[in-house]
Amino acid sequence: MMTARNGSVRASAQERILATAASLFAQFGYEGASTREIAAEAGVNEVTIYRHYARKRDLYLAVVGAELSRIQLRGELLSKLAEAPTGRDALICTFDLLVSTLQQSPHLLRLLHFSTLELNQDLDPLFKKHLVELVEVVARYLNPWIEKGELQSPDARSLILTLVAIVLSCDPLKRIFGVDIVQSTGLLALFSDLNAVRQVALS
């Protein structure tokens, strides 16, 4: 009984550490948030953090892994993508799907921003594990439109990664210019129209 209770306390402490670290890392980045600050906010001793994670870097990787593991493609948006009547509609549905997916965690986008600046290759295995499957699933819906010539792209994966890059840029652009381009399909409509113009020009 005592063992179960102690295990529950340890799990609770670890959950608080991860939740607090996710919030602080998302606000201040890897370098900007110290384990001392994380421990204080989580209500634990700093030593407790190092019992679970040998290094601060291990804690950061655990946080990013936990946030990425929450990513799930919404079934209704996949159905909408599958039923898109045109390549242009499929592109807009794909953007909506990616926005919804990457915004499931309130901290994920900011963690991804900081990760690319501060840790680089350390996170590549995590990104491959969680994001490659997402890209491959969505690619299966876009490939037919590329094969028909309604979408101009070397391959579906390149197109999806371009859209992911747009989603990742939305938060910084909103902070700088005060424009929330994620909430409007106008951007993707324009992107799709430019794609159509390019197709005509090349034909």
Foldseek 3Di string as FASTA:
>chain_A
DVVVVVVVVLVLLVVLLLVLCLVQCLVQNLVGDDLCNSCVNSVHHSVSVCVVPVDSVRSLLVSLLVLLVPFDFDPVLVVQLLPDPALLSNQLSLLLRLLCRQPPDVRNLSSVVRCCVPPNPVCVVSCCVRPVVVLVVSQVSNQVNVVVVLADDPGSSVSSVVSNVVSSCQVVCCVVPVDRCSVDSVVSSVVSVVRVVVSVVVD
